[in-house]
Amino acid sequence: MPDEPKISLELTMRALLLISLKGLDVDAQVETLLRAGFSNVDVADLTGMTANAVGLRKLKLKKKGTK
């Protein structure tokens, strides 16, 4: 069975992450992904948002954290 497709670890981790985020609202998804170290572009890709929208939510989270 040398022709079996192999699923990369990165793809597996992304799939598990998406499954775990499914029940969260968008703000919680963005916050979780950013805290996990994902870039704005990666977060946008995973959530279906634009990178600019993620950046705005990131700023909102920073302001919320300083209060």
N, C-alpha and C. Protein backbone atom coordinates (compact mmCIF):
# COMPACT_ATOMS: atom_id res chain seq x y z
N MET A 1 0.81 -1.19 0.00
CA MET A 1 0.00 0.00 0.00
C MET A 1 0.86 1.27 0.00
N PRO A 2 1.83 1.34 -0.88
CA PRO A 2 2.69 2.53 -0.90
C PRO A 2 2.00 3.76 -1.47
N ASP A 3 0.88 3.60 -2.17
CA ASP A 3 0.20 4.74 -2.77
C ASP A 3 -0.87 5.35 -1.88
N GLU A 4 -0.94 4.93 -0.61
CA GLU A 4 -1.93 5.50 0.30
C GLU A 4 -1.61 6.97 0.55
N PRO A 5 -2.63 7.82 0.47
CA PRO A 5 -2.37 9.23 0.78
C PRO A 5 -2.09 9.41 2.26
N LYS A 6 -1.16 10.29 2.56
CA LYS A 6 -0.83 10.56 3.96
C LYS A 6 -1.33 11.96 4.30
N ILE A 7 -1.97 12.06 5.43
CA ILE A 7 -2.46 13.35 5.89
C ILE A 7 -1.36 13.99 6.72
N SER A 8 -1.04 15.22 6.39
CA SER A 8 0.03 15.90 7.11
C SER A 8 -0.41 16.23 8.54
N LEU A 9 0.55 16.36 9.40
CA LEU A 9 0.27 16.71 10.79
C LEU A 9 -0.39 18.09 10.86
N GLU A 10 0.09 19.02 10.03
CA GLU A 10 -0.49 20.37 10.03
C GLU A 10 -1.97 20.32 9.65
N LEU A 11 -2.31 19.56 8.64
CA LEU A 11 -3.71 19.45 8.21
C LEU A 11 -4.56 18.81 9.30
N THR A 12 -4.02 17.81 9.95
CA THR A 12 -4.74 17.15 11.04
C THR A 12 -4.98 18.12 12.19
N MET A 13 -3.97 18.89 12.56
CA MET A 13 -4.10 19.85 13.65
C MET A 13 -5.11 20.94 13.30
N ARG A 14 -5.08 21.40 12.07
CA ARG A 14 -6.05 22.43 11.65
C ARG A 14 -7.47 21.88 11.71
N ALA A 15 -7.65 20.64 11.28
CA ALA A 15 -8.98 20.03 11.32
C ALA A 15 -9.47 19.90 12.75
N LEU A 16 -8.60 19.44 13.65
CA LEU A 16 -8.99 19.32 15.06
C LEU A 16 -9.31 20.68 15.66
N LEU A 17 -8.53 21.68 15.30
CA LEU A 17 -8.77 23.03 15.80
C LEU A 17 -10.11 23.56 15.32
N LEU A 18 -10.41 23.35 14.05
CA LEU A 18 -11.69 23.81 13.51
C LEU A 18 -12.86 23.12 14.19
N ILE A 19 -12.72 21.84 14.45
CA ILE A 19 -13.78 21.10 15.14
C ILE A 19 -13.99 21.65 16.54
N SER A 20 -12.90 21.96 17.23
CA SER A 20 -13.02 22.46 18.60
C SER A 20 -13.57 23.88 18.66
N LEU A 21 -13.39 24.66 17.59
CA LEU A 21 -13.87 26.04 17.57
C LEU A 21 -15.30 26.16 17.07
N LYS A 22 -15.85 25.10 16.54
CA LYS A 22 -17.15 25.16 15.87
C LYS A 22 -18.26 25.76 16.73
N GLY A 23 -18.29 25.46 18.02
CA GLY A 23 -19.37 25.96 18.87
C GLY A 23 -19.16 27.36 19.40
N LEU A 24 -18.00 27.95 19.16
CA LEU A 24 -17.70 29.27 19.70
C LEU A 24 -18.17 30.37 18.75
N ASP A 25 -18.47 31.55 19.31
CA ASP A 25 -18.79 32.68 18.45
C ASP A 25 -17.51 33.17 17.78
N VAL A 26 -17.65 34.05 16.80
CA VAL A 26 -16.51 34.48 16.00
C VAL A 26 -15.45 35.17 16.84
N ASP A 27 -15.86 36.03 17.77
CA ASP A 27 -14.88 36.70 18.62
C ASP A 27 -14.05 35.71 19.42
N ALA A 28 -14.69 34.70 19.96
CA ALA A 28 -13.98 33.68 20.73
C ALA A 28 -13.06 32.85 19.83
N GLN A 29 -13.50 32.58 18.61
CA GLN A 29 -12.65 31.85 17.67
C GLN A 29 -11.39 32.64 17.36
N VAL A 30 -11.57 33.92 17.04
CA VAL A 30 -10.43 34.78 16.70
C VAL A 30 -9.49 34.88 17.89
N GLU A 31 -10.03 35.12 19.07
CA GLU A 31 -9.20 35.25 20.26
C GLU A 31 -8.41 33.96 20.52
N THR A 32 -9.07 32.82 20.41
CA THR A 32 -8.40 31.54 20.65
C THR A 32 -7.27 31.31 19.65
N LEU A 33 -7.53 31.57 18.39
CA LEU A 33 -6.51 31.35 17.36
C LEU A 33 -5.33 32.31 17.52
N LEU A 34 -5.62 33.57 17.84
CA LEU A 34 -4.53 34.53 18.02
C LEU A 34 -3.68 34.18 19.24
N ARG A 35 -4.32 33.76 20.31
CA ARG A 35 -3.57 33.35 21.50
C ARG A 35 -2.74 32.09 21.24
N ALA A 36 -3.21 31.26 20.29
CA ALA A 36 -2.46 30.05 19.93
C ALA A 36 -1.27 30.36 19.03
N GLY A 37 -1.15 31.62 18.61
CA GLY A 37 0.01 32.02 17.83
C GLY A 37 -0.21 32.08 16.33
N PHE A 38 -1.44 31.95 15.88
CA PHE A 38 -1.71 32.04 14.45
C PHE A 38 -1.62 33.50 14.00
N SER A 39 -1.19 33.71 12.77
CA SER A 39 -1.12 35.07 12.21
C SER A 39 -2.51 35.53 11.80
N ASN A 40 -2.64 36.83 11.53
CA ASN A 40 -3.93 37.37 11.08
C ASN A 40 -4.41 36.65 9.81
N VAL A 41 -3.48 36.38 8.90
CA VAL A 41 -3.84 35.72 7.64
C VAL A 41 -4.32 34.30 7.89
N ASP A 42 -3.65 33.57 8.78
CA ASP A 42 -4.08 32.21 9.11
C ASP A 42 -5.45 32.22 9.78
N VAL A 43 -5.66 33.16 10.69
CA VAL A 43 -6.96 33.26 11.38
C VAL A 43 -8.05 33.58 10.36
N ALA A 44 -7.75 34.49 9.45
CA ALA A 44 -8.72 34.84 8.41
C ALA A 44 -9.06 33.62 7.56
N ASP A 45 -8.05 32.85 7.21
CA ASP A 45 -8.26 31.65 6.41
C ASP A 45 -9.12 30.63 7.14
N LEU A 46 -8.87 30.44 8.42
CA LEU A 46 -9.59 29.43 9.20
C LEU A 46 -11.02 29.85 9.53
N THR A 47 -11.26 31.16 9.68
CA THR A 47 -12.59 31.62 10.08
C THR A 47 -13.43 32.14 8.92
N GLY A 48 -12.82 32.30 7.76
CA GLY A 48 -13.56 32.82 6.61
C GLY A 48 -13.69 34.33 6.61
N MET A 49 -12.92 35.00 7.44
CA MET A 49 -12.93 36.46 7.51
C MET A 49 -11.80 37.01 6.65
N THR A 50 -11.77 38.34 6.50
CA THR A 50 -10.63 38.96 5.84
C THR A 50 -9.56 39.24 6.89
N ALA A 51 -8.33 39.39 6.44
CA ALA A 51 -7.23 39.68 7.37
C ALA A 51 -7.44 41.03 8.05
N ASN A 52 -8.03 41.99 7.33
CA ASN A 52 -8.31 43.30 7.93
C ASN A 52 -9.33 43.18 9.05
N ALA A 53 -10.36 42.37 8.84
CA ALA A 53 -11.37 42.18 9.89
C ALA A 53 -10.76 41.52 11.11
N VAL A 54 -9.86 40.58 10.89
CA VAL A 54 -9.18 39.93 12.01
C VAL A 54 -8.33 40.95 12.75
N GLY A 55 -7.64 41.81 12.01
CA GLY A 55 -6.82 42.86 12.63
C GLY A 55 -7.66 43.78 13.50
N LEU A 56 -8.84 44.14 13.03
CA LEU A 56 -9.73 45.01 13.81
C LEU A 56 -10.19 44.30 15.09
N ARG A 57 -10.51 43.04 14.98
CA ARG A 57 -10.92 42.28 16.18
C ARG A 57 -9.75 42.12 17.13
N LYS A 58 -8.55 42.00 16.59
CA LYS A 58 -7.34 41.88 17.42
C LYS A 58 -7.15 43.17 18.23
N LEU A 59 -7.35 44.31 17.57
CA LEU A 59 -7.25 45.59 18.28
C LEU A 59 -8.32 45.70 19.36
N LYS A 60 -9.53 45.24 19.04
CA LYS A 60 -10.63 45.26 20.01
C LYS A 60 -10.28 44.40 21.23
N LEU A 61 -9.66 43.25 20.99
CA LEU A 61 -9.26 42.37 22.09
C LEU A 61 -8.17 43.01 22.94
N LYS A 62 -7.23 43.71 22.29
CA LYS A 62 -6.16 44.38 23.04
C LYS A 62 -6.74 45.46 23.94
N LYS A 63 -7.70 46.23 23.41
CA LYS A 63 -8.34 47.29 24.21
C LYS A 63 -9.11 46.68 25.37
N LYS A 64 -9.79 45.58 25.12
CA LYS A 64 -10.56 44.91 26.16
C LYS A 64 -9.65 44.40 27.26
N GLY A 65 -8.47 43.96 26.90
CA GLY A 65 -7.53 43.40 27.87
C GLY A 65 -6.86 44.45 28.73
N THR A 66 -6.81 45.70 28.29
CA THR A 66 -6.13 46.75 29.05
C THR A 66 -7.04 47.43 30.05
N LYS A 67 -8.33 47.20 29.96
CA LYS A 67 -9.26 47.85 30.90
C LYS A 67 -9.21 47.23 32.25
